[in-house]
Amino acid sequence: MAKGKSAAKAHRRSEKRRVRNQSVRSTAKTFIRAAERLITAGQTGDAQQAVVRAVSQLDRAAEKKILHKNNAARRKSRLMAKLNRALQGAAAARA
């Protein structure tokens, strides 16, 4: 536990921030998980909409500096790569 007054105040502030940021981080993860679930299920139409929502949520978290911008960019890139692979697979199956 913090010993000095300023350290105790800093601890209180960081705890408030942690709690506030936790919901944004959790929401972003939930949207990502939902999008990945739809991608693996092969529901490409719904997956595209879910990816858009997940990307939007990641952008918000990065804008608020809850996630580092590179972290958000990496997560968006991985999600888009999964979606594009699924779309290519669906197109190949139709051809």
N, C-alpha and C. Protein backbone atom coordinates (compact mmCIF):
# COMPACT_ATOMS: atom_id res chain seq x y z
N MET A 1 0.84 -1.19 0.00
CA MET A 1 0.00 0.00 0.00
C MET A 1 0.88 1.24 0.00
N ALA A 2 0.33 2.32 -0.53
CA ALA A 2 1.08 3.56 -0.62
C ALA A 2 1.35 4.13 0.76
N LYS A 3 2.54 4.73 0.94
CA LYS A 3 2.90 5.28 2.25
C LYS A 3 2.58 6.75 2.36
N GLY A 4 2.94 7.55 1.34
CA GLY A 4 2.73 8.99 1.43
C GLY A 4 1.37 9.40 0.91
N LYS A 5 1.03 10.67 1.17
CA LYS A 5 -0.27 11.19 0.73
C LYS A 5 -0.37 11.21 -0.80
N SER A 6 0.69 11.70 -1.45
CA SER A 6 0.63 11.80 -2.91
C SER A 6 0.60 10.41 -3.55
N ALA A 7 1.31 9.45 -2.95
CA ALA A 7 1.29 8.09 -3.48
C ALA A 7 -0.08 7.47 -3.30
N ALA A 8 -0.73 7.75 -2.18
CA ALA A 8 -2.07 7.22 -1.93
C ALA A 8 -3.06 7.82 -2.93
N LYS A 9 -2.92 9.12 -3.21
CA LYS A 9 -3.80 9.77 -4.16
C LYS A 9 -3.57 9.21 -5.56
N ALA A 10 -2.32 9.01 -5.93
CA ALA A 10 -1.99 8.44 -7.24
C ALA A 10 -2.60 7.05 -7.37
N HIS A 11 -2.55 6.29 -6.28
CA HIS A 11 -3.12 4.95 -6.29
C HIS A 11 -4.64 5.01 -6.49
N ARG A 12 -5.30 5.94 -5.81
CA ARG A 12 -6.75 6.09 -5.95
C ARG A 12 -7.11 6.47 -7.39
N ARG A 13 -6.35 7.39 -7.96
CA ARG A 13 -6.61 7.81 -9.34
C ARG A 13 -6.42 6.66 -10.32
N SER A 14 -5.33 5.93 -10.15
CA SER A 14 -5.06 4.83 -11.08
C SER A 14 -6.12 3.74 -10.96
N GLU A 15 -6.64 3.53 -9.75
CA GLU A 15 -7.69 2.53 -9.55
C GLU A 15 -8.98 2.97 -10.26
N LYS A 16 -9.31 4.26 -10.17
CA LYS A 16 -10.50 4.78 -10.85
C LYS A 16 -10.36 4.61 -12.36
N ARG A 17 -9.17 4.94 -12.88
CA ARG A 17 -8.93 4.80 -14.31
C ARG A 17 -9.03 3.34 -14.75
N ARG A 18 -8.46 2.46 -13.95
CA ARG A 18 -8.47 1.03 -14.27
C ARG A 18 -9.91 0.52 -14.40
N VAL A 19 -10.74 0.89 -13.44
CA VAL A 19 -12.13 0.45 -13.46
C VAL A 19 -12.87 1.03 -14.66
N ARG A 20 -12.63 2.31 -14.95
CA ARG A 20 -13.30 2.97 -16.08
C ARG A 20 -12.85 2.36 -17.41
N ASN A 21 -11.57 2.08 -17.54
CA ASN A 21 -11.03 1.55 -18.78
C ASN A 21 -11.39 0.08 -18.99
N GLN A 22 -11.63 -0.63 -17.90
CA GLN A 22 -11.90 -2.06 -17.97
C GLN A 22 -13.13 -2.35 -18.84
N SER A 23 -14.18 -1.53 -18.72
CA SER A 23 -15.39 -1.79 -19.49
C SER A 23 -15.16 -1.58 -20.98
N VAL A 24 -14.37 -0.58 -21.33
CA VAL A 24 -14.09 -0.32 -22.75
C VAL A 24 -13.28 -1.48 -23.34
N ARG A 25 -12.27 -1.92 -22.59
CA ARG A 25 -11.43 -3.03 -23.03
C ARG A 25 -12.26 -4.31 -23.18
N SER A 26 -13.13 -4.55 -22.22
CA SER A 26 -13.96 -5.75 -22.23
C SER A 26 -14.93 -5.73 -23.41
N THR A 27 -15.51 -4.57 -23.67
CA THR A 27 -16.44 -4.44 -24.80
C THR A 27 -15.74 -4.72 -26.12
N ALA A 28 -14.54 -4.19 -26.26
CA ALA A 28 -13.77 -4.41 -27.49
C ALA A 28 -13.49 -5.91 -27.67
N LYS A 29 -13.08 -6.57 -26.59
CA LYS A 29 -12.80 -8.00 -26.67
C LYS A 29 -14.06 -8.79 -27.03
N THR A 30 -15.21 -8.38 -26.48
CA THR A 30 -16.47 -9.06 -26.76
C THR A 30 -16.82 -8.96 -28.24
N PHE A 31 -16.66 -7.75 -28.81
CA PHE A 31 -16.95 -7.57 -30.23
C PHE A 31 -16.00 -8.38 -31.09
N ILE A 32 -14.73 -8.44 -30.70
CA ILE A 32 -13.75 -9.23 -31.46
C ILE A 32 -14.12 -10.70 -31.42
N ARG A 33 -14.45 -11.19 -30.23
CA ARG A 33 -14.82 -12.60 -30.06
C ARG A 33 -16.04 -12.94 -30.91
N ALA A 34 -17.04 -12.06 -30.91
CA ALA A 34 -18.26 -12.29 -31.69
C ALA A 34 -17.93 -12.36 -33.18
N ALA A 35 -17.08 -11.46 -33.64
CA ALA A 35 -16.70 -11.45 -35.06
C ALA A 35 -15.95 -12.72 -35.42
N GLU A 36 -15.01 -13.13 -34.57
CA GLU A 36 -14.24 -14.35 -34.85
C GLU A 36 -15.14 -15.57 -34.86
N ARG A 37 -16.13 -15.59 -33.98
CA ARG A 37 -17.06 -16.72 -33.93
C ARG A 37 -17.85 -16.82 -35.24
N LEU A 38 -18.30 -15.68 -35.76
CA LEU A 38 -19.04 -15.67 -37.02
C LEU A 38 -18.15 -16.05 -38.19
N ILE A 39 -16.90 -15.62 -38.15
CA ILE A 39 -15.96 -15.96 -39.23
C ILE A 39 -15.74 -17.47 -39.27
N THR A 40 -15.50 -18.07 -38.11
CA THR A 40 -15.25 -19.52 -38.09
C THR A 40 -16.51 -20.32 -38.44
N ALA A 41 -17.70 -19.73 -38.15
CA ALA A 41 -18.95 -20.40 -38.49
C ALA A 41 -19.25 -20.30 -39.98
N GLY A 42 -18.54 -19.41 -40.68
CA GLY A 42 -18.72 -19.28 -42.12
C GLY A 42 -19.84 -18.33 -42.50
N GLN A 43 -20.35 -17.56 -41.57
CA GLN A 43 -21.41 -16.59 -41.84
C GLN A 43 -20.76 -15.26 -42.25
N THR A 44 -20.33 -15.20 -43.50
CA THR A 44 -19.50 -14.07 -43.93
C THR A 44 -20.25 -12.74 -43.92
N GLY A 45 -21.52 -12.74 -44.25
CA GLY A 45 -22.29 -11.49 -44.26
C GLY A 45 -22.38 -10.88 -42.87
N ASP A 46 -22.78 -11.70 -41.91
CA ASP A 46 -22.86 -11.23 -40.52
C ASP A 46 -21.47 -10.93 -39.97
N ALA A 47 -20.49 -11.71 -40.40
CA ALA A 47 -19.12 -11.52 -39.91
C ALA A 47 -18.59 -10.16 -40.35
N GLN A 48 -18.90 -9.74 -41.57
CA GLN A 48 -18.43 -8.44 -42.05
C GLN A 48 -18.98 -7.31 -41.18
N GLN A 49 -20.25 -7.39 -40.83
CA GLN A 49 -20.85 -6.36 -39.97
C GLN A 49 -20.23 -6.40 -38.58
N ALA A 50 -19.98 -7.59 -38.07
CA ALA A 50 -19.38 -7.73 -36.75
C ALA A 50 -17.96 -7.18 -36.73
N VAL A 51 -17.23 -7.39 -37.81
CA VAL A 51 -15.86 -6.86 -37.90
C VAL A 51 -15.88 -5.34 -37.91
N VAL A 52 -16.83 -4.76 -38.62
CA VAL A 52 -16.95 -3.29 -38.64
C VAL A 52 -17.19 -2.76 -37.23
N ARG A 53 -18.08 -3.43 -36.49
CA ARG A 53 -18.35 -3.00 -35.11
C ARG A 53 -17.12 -3.16 -34.23
N ALA A 54 -16.40 -4.27 -34.39
CA ALA A 54 -15.19 -4.51 -33.58
C ALA A 54 -14.12 -3.48 -33.89
N VAL A 55 -13.93 -3.17 -35.16
CA VAL A 55 -12.93 -2.18 -35.57
C VAL A 55 -13.28 -0.82 -34.98
N SER A 56 -14.56 -0.48 -35.02
CA SER A 56 -15.02 0.79 -34.46
C SER A 56 -14.72 0.86 -32.97
N GLN A 57 -14.99 -0.22 -32.27
CA GLN A 57 -14.74 -0.26 -30.82
C GLN A 57 -13.25 -0.15 -30.52
N LEU A 58 -12.43 -0.82 -31.31
CA LEU A 58 -10.97 -0.73 -31.12
C LEU A 58 -10.48 0.69 -31.38
N ASP A 59 -11.04 1.34 -32.40
CA ASP A 59 -10.67 2.73 -32.69
C ASP A 59 -11.02 3.64 -31.52
N ARG A 60 -12.20 3.42 -30.93
CA ARG A 60 -12.60 4.23 -29.78
C ARG A 60 -11.64 4.04 -28.62
N ALA A 61 -11.28 2.79 -28.36
CA ALA A 61 -10.37 2.50 -27.24
C ALA A 61 -9.00 3.14 -27.49
N ALA A 62 -8.55 3.12 -28.73
CA ALA A 62 -7.26 3.72 -29.05
C ALA A 62 -7.34 5.24 -28.95
N GLU A 63 -8.46 5.80 -29.37
CA GLU A 63 -8.64 7.25 -29.31
C GLU A 63 -8.63 7.75 -27.87
N LYS A 64 -9.21 6.96 -26.97
CA LYS A 64 -9.24 7.33 -25.56
C LYS A 64 -7.95 6.95 -24.83
N LYS A 65 -7.02 6.38 -25.57
CA LYS A 65 -5.72 5.94 -25.05
C LYS A 65 -5.86 4.82 -24.01
N ILE A 66 -6.92 4.03 -24.15
CA ILE A 66 -7.10 2.87 -23.29
C ILE A 66 -6.27 1.72 -23.84
N LEU A 67 -6.25 1.62 -25.17
CA LEU A 67 -5.34 0.69 -25.85
C LEU A 67 -4.33 1.54 -26.61
N HIS A 68 -3.11 1.06 -26.70
CA HIS A 68 -2.11 1.76 -27.50
C HIS A 68 -2.53 1.67 -28.96
N LYS A 69 -2.26 2.71 -29.73
CA LYS A 69 -2.73 2.74 -31.12
C LYS A 69 -2.16 1.58 -31.92
N ASN A 70 -0.92 1.17 -31.64
CA ASN A 70 -0.35 0.04 -32.38
C ASN A 70 -1.01 -1.27 -31.98
N ASN A 71 -1.39 -1.37 -30.71
CA ASN A 71 -2.09 -2.56 -30.24
C ASN A 71 -3.43 -2.68 -30.96
N ALA A 72 -4.16 -1.58 -31.04
CA ALA A 72 -5.45 -1.58 -31.73
C ALA A 72 -5.26 -1.90 -33.21
N ALA A 73 -4.24 -1.32 -33.81
CA ALA A 73 -3.97 -1.56 -35.24
C ALA A 73 -3.64 -3.03 -35.48
N ARG A 74 -2.87 -3.62 -34.59
CA ARG A 74 -2.51 -5.04 -34.74
C ARG A 74 -3.74 -5.92 -34.63
N ARG A 75 -4.61 -5.63 -33.67
CA ARG A 75 -5.82 -6.43 -33.50
C ARG A 75 -6.74 -6.30 -34.70
N LYS A 76 -6.87 -5.08 -35.22
CA LYS A 76 -7.71 -4.86 -36.40
C LYS A 76 -7.13 -5.61 -37.60
N SER A 77 -5.83 -5.56 -37.75
CA SER A 77 -5.18 -6.23 -38.87
C SER A 77 -5.40 -7.73 -38.83
N ARG A 78 -5.25 -8.31 -37.66
CA ARG A 78 -5.45 -9.76 -37.52
C ARG A 78 -6.89 -10.14 -37.81
N LEU A 79 -7.82 -9.32 -37.32
CA LEU A 79 -9.23 -9.60 -37.54
C LEU A 79 -9.58 -9.50 -39.03
N MET A 80 -9.07 -8.47 -39.68
CA MET A 80 -9.32 -8.32 -41.12
C MET A 80 -8.70 -9.45 -41.93
N ALA A 81 -7.53 -9.90 -41.52
CA ALA A 81 -6.87 -11.01 -42.22
C ALA A 81 -7.72 -12.28 -42.11
N LYS A 82 -8.28 -12.53 -40.93
CA LYS A 82 -9.14 -13.71 -40.75
C LYS A 82 -10.39 -13.59 -41.62
N LEU A 83 -10.97 -12.40 -41.65
CA LEU A 83 -12.17 -12.20 -42.46
C LEU A 83 -11.86 -12.39 -43.94
N ASN A 84 -10.76 -11.82 -44.40
CA ASN A 84 -10.40 -11.94 -45.82
C ASN A 84 -10.13 -13.38 -46.22
N ARG A 85 -9.47 -14.14 -45.33
CA ARG A 85 -9.25 -15.57 -45.61
C ARG A 85 -10.58 -16.31 -45.72
N ALA A 86 -11.52 -15.98 -44.83
CA ALA A 86 -12.83 -16.63 -44.86
C ALA A 86 -13.59 -16.26 -46.13
N LEU A 87 -13.50 -15.00 -46.52
CA LEU A 87 -14.18 -14.57 -47.74
C LEU A 87 -13.60 -15.23 -48.98
N GLN A 88 -12.28 -15.37 -49.01
CA GLN A 88 -11.63 -16.04 -50.14
C GLN A 88 -12.04 -17.52 -50.18
N GLY A 89 -12.11 -18.14 -49.02
CA GLY A 89 -12.54 -19.53 -48.95
C GLY A 89 -13.97 -19.70 -49.42
N ALA A 90 -14.83 -18.77 -49.05
CA ALA A 90 -16.25 -18.83 -49.47
C ALA A 90 -16.36 -18.61 -50.98
N ALA A 91 -15.53 -17.71 -51.52
CA ALA A 91 -15.56 -17.46 -52.95
C ALA A 91 -15.04 -18.67 -53.73
N ALA A 92 -14.02 -19.31 -53.19
CA ALA A 92 -13.46 -20.50 -53.85
C ALA A 92 -14.46 -21.66 -53.82
N ALA A 93 -15.22 -21.74 -52.75
CA ALA A 93 -16.20 -22.82 -52.63
C ALA A 93 -17.35 -22.64 -53.62
N ARG A 94 -17.68 -21.36 -53.91
CA ARG A 94 -18.76 -21.08 -54.87
C ARG A 94 -18.31 -21.33 -56.30
N ALA A 95 -17.03 -21.15 -56.58
CA ALA A 95 -16.53 -21.27 -57.95
C ALA A 95 -16.38 -22.69 -58.41
